[in-house]
């Protein structure tokens, strides 16, 4: 199986993704736009956790413990 990286103009991106999805032989599409949405969602969830920690409704961990997990 081969992999291809393409750079598509922003105004043609949606059209191109729909076109590629319609091809029966394409096995996987990594849509970077979805990745950005997931990153924003993760950041939003992290901010909410910080707010809960500050209110005392959720227990945080120390920086030392965080680094030890890595």
Protein backbone atom coordinates (compact mmCIF):
# COMPACT_ATOMS: atom_id res chain seq x y z
CA UNK A 1 0.00 0.00 0.00
CA UNK A 2 1.24 3.54 -0.81
CA UNK A 3 0.72 6.84 0.99
CA UNK A 4 0.41 10.29 -0.59
CA UNK A 5 0.64 13.75 0.98
CA UNK A 6 -1.22 16.51 -0.85
CA UNK A 7 -1.48 20.23 -0.25
CA UNK A 8 -4.93 21.44 -1.30
CA UNK A 9 -6.08 25.09 -1.49
CA UNK A 10 -8.39 25.94 1.42
CA UNK A 11 -11.34 26.72 -0.87
CA UNK A 12 -11.11 23.28 -2.58
CA UNK A 13 -10.47 21.18 0.56
CA UNK A 14 -14.06 20.08 1.29
CA UNK A 15 -14.66 19.16 -2.33
CA UNK A 16 -11.45 17.15 -2.47
CA UNK A 17 -12.19 15.20 0.74
CA UNK A 18 -15.67 14.28 -0.53
CA UNK A 19 -14.19 13.20 -3.86
CA UNK A 20 -11.57 10.97 -2.23
CA UNK A 21 -14.15 9.44 0.13
CA UNK A 22 -16.21 8.41 -2.91
CA UNK A 23 -13.34 6.33 -4.34
CA UNK A 24 -13.77 2.66 -3.45
CA UNK A 25 -10.08 1.81 -3.37
CA UNK A 26 -9.09 4.45 -0.77
CA UNK A 27 -8.72 2.65 2.55
CA UNK A 28 -8.00 5.51 4.97
CA UNK A 29 -8.22 9.30 4.97
CA UNK A 30 -6.44 11.25 7.69
CA UNK A 31 -8.32 14.52 7.78
CA UNK A 32 -6.10 17.09 9.51
CA UNK A 33 -9.12 19.38 9.99
CA UNK A 34 -10.66 16.79 12.30
CA UNK A 35 -7.39 16.70 14.20
CA UNK A 36 -7.60 20.42 14.85
CA UNK A 37 -11.15 20.05 16.15
CA UNK A 38 -10.00 17.32 18.53
CA UNK A 39 -7.14 19.48 19.81
CA UNK A 40 -9.54 22.36 20.52
CA UNK A 41 -11.92 19.98 22.29
CA UNK A 42 -9.06 18.60 24.42
CA UNK A 43 -7.92 22.09 25.37
CA UNK A 44 -11.47 23.05 26.32
CA UNK A 45 -11.78 19.96 28.53
CA UNK A 46 -8.45 20.76 30.18
CA UNK A 47 -9.59 24.32 30.96
CA UNK A 48 -12.76 22.95 32.56
CA UNK A 49 -10.68 20.56 34.69
CA UNK A 50 -8.49 23.46 35.87
CA UNK A 51 -11.60 25.42 36.84
CA UNK A 52 -12.90 22.43 38.85
CA UNK A 53 -9.52 22.03 40.57
CA UNK A 54 -9.48 25.71 41.52
CA UNK A 55 -13.01 25.37 42.96
CA UNK A 56 -11.89 22.33 44.96
CA UNK A 57 -14.34 20.03 43.19
CA UNK A 58 -11.56 17.97 41.61
CA UNK A 59 -8.20 16.94 43.00
CA UNK A 60 -5.16 17.90 40.97
CA UNK A 61 -1.70 16.34 40.94
CA UNK A 62 1.64 17.97 41.63
CA UNK A 63 4.04 18.91 38.85
CA UNK A 64 6.50 16.36 40.24
CA UNK A 65 3.92 13.57 39.96
CA UNK A 66 3.05 14.70 36.45
CA UNK A 67 6.69 14.56 35.37
CA UNK A 68 7.09 11.13 36.96
CA UNK A 69 4.21 9.85 34.82
CA UNK A 70 6.10 10.83 31.70
